Amino acid sequence: MEPDRAPVPQARINEMIRAPKVRLVDDDGSQIGVKDTNEAREYAWGKNLDLVEVAAQADPPVAKVMDYGKYRYEQEQ
């Protein structure tokens, strides 16, 4: 039986991000700037990646372009 693990909080991704604008961070960690959320989502999808909200409490929220499946896997290890 697997030991109990703390649940990994679910981040908002792609269409789940409700803020009208986000501070966009590229997959290499570089700051892109404040973008319309739809524009940021299209940017991420253009790279075959996801847009993931990493700091929802910031103003505007910070969203990073990343492979969300890989990120979740690493968080659970």
Protein backbone atom coordinates (compact mmCIF):
# COMPACT_ATOMS: atom_id res chain seq x y z
CA MET A 1 0.00 0.00 0.00
CA GLU A 2 1.26 3.46 -0.91
CA PRO A 3 1.99 5.92 1.92
CA ASP A 4 -0.41 8.83 2.32
CA ARG A 5 0.68 11.85 0.34
CA ALA A 6 -0.50 15.40 0.63
CA PRO A 7 -2.72 16.17 -2.37
CA VAL A 8 -1.05 18.33 -4.99
CA PRO A 9 -3.16 21.47 -5.43
CA GLN A 10 -4.73 21.75 -8.87
CA ALA A 11 -3.49 24.76 -10.78
CA ARG A 12 -5.75 26.53 -13.23
CA ILE A 13 -4.69 25.74 -16.78
CA ASN A 14 -5.67 26.96 -20.25
CA GLU A 15 -9.42 27.75 -20.37
CA MET A 16 -9.74 27.49 -16.57
CA ILE A 17 -7.81 30.77 -16.14
CA ARG A 18 -10.49 33.42 -15.57
CA ALA A 19 -8.38 36.60 -15.26
CA PRO A 20 -8.66 38.94 -18.27
CA LYS A 21 -4.89 39.55 -18.32
CA VAL A 22 -1.87 37.60 -17.06
CA ARG A 23 1.84 38.27 -16.57
CA LEU A 24 3.30 35.77 -19.01
CA VAL A 25 6.49 33.80 -18.30
CA ASP A 26 7.94 31.73 -21.16
CA ASP A 27 8.93 28.06 -20.79
CA ASP A 28 12.60 29.10 -20.44
CA GLY A 29 11.73 31.39 -17.50
CA SER A 30 12.00 34.69 -19.39
CA GLN A 31 9.41 37.39 -18.69
CA ILE A 32 7.27 38.20 -21.72
CA GLY A 33 5.07 40.80 -20.02
CA VAL A 34 1.39 41.44 -19.33
CA LYS A 35 -0.78 39.91 -22.05
CA ASP A 36 -4.46 39.34 -22.70
CA THR A 37 -5.24 35.83 -21.40
CA ASN A 38 -6.49 34.65 -24.80
CA GLU A 39 -3.29 35.91 -26.45
CA ALA A 40 -1.17 34.16 -23.79
CA ARG A 41 -3.12 30.91 -24.29
CA GLU A 42 -2.60 31.08 -28.08
CA TYR A 43 1.14 31.72 -27.49
CA ALA A 44 1.39 28.60 -25.30
CA TRP A 45 -0.60 26.45 -27.71
CA GLY A 46 1.61 27.68 -30.57
CA LYS A 47 4.50 25.98 -28.74
CA ASN A 48 2.41 22.83 -28.09
CA LEU A 49 2.44 23.65 -24.36
CA ASP A 50 -0.07 24.68 -21.69
CA LEU A 51 -0.70 27.99 -19.99
CA VAL A 52 -0.56 27.37 -16.21
CA GLU A 53 -1.48 29.92 -13.54
CA VAL A 54 1.40 29.80 -11.04
CA ALA A 55 0.60 32.84 -8.86
CA ALA A 56 -3.16 33.45 -8.80
CA GLN A 57 -2.95 36.01 -5.97
CA ALA A 58 -0.63 38.35 -7.93
CA ASP A 59 -2.03 41.36 -9.80
CA PRO A 60 -2.21 40.45 -12.61
CA PRO A 61 -1.93 36.69 -12.03
CA VAL A 62 1.32 35.07 -13.22
CA ALA A 63 0.94 32.37 -15.87
CA LYS A 64 3.76 30.21 -17.18
CA VAL A 65 4.06 28.37 -20.47
CA MET A 66 4.90 24.71 -19.66
CA ASP A 67 4.13 21.05 -20.29
CA TYR A 68 1.51 20.62 -17.56
CA GLY A 69 1.54 16.81 -17.65
CA LYS A 70 5.29 16.75 -17.06
CA TYR A 71 4.96 19.41 -14.33
CA ARG A 72 2.27 17.36 -12.49
CA TYR A 73 4.41 14.23 -12.75
CA GLU A 74 7.41 16.04 -11.22
CA GLN A 75 5.26 17.51 -8.43
CA GLU A 76 4.00 14.06 -7.47
CA GLN A 77 7.49 12.51 -7.25
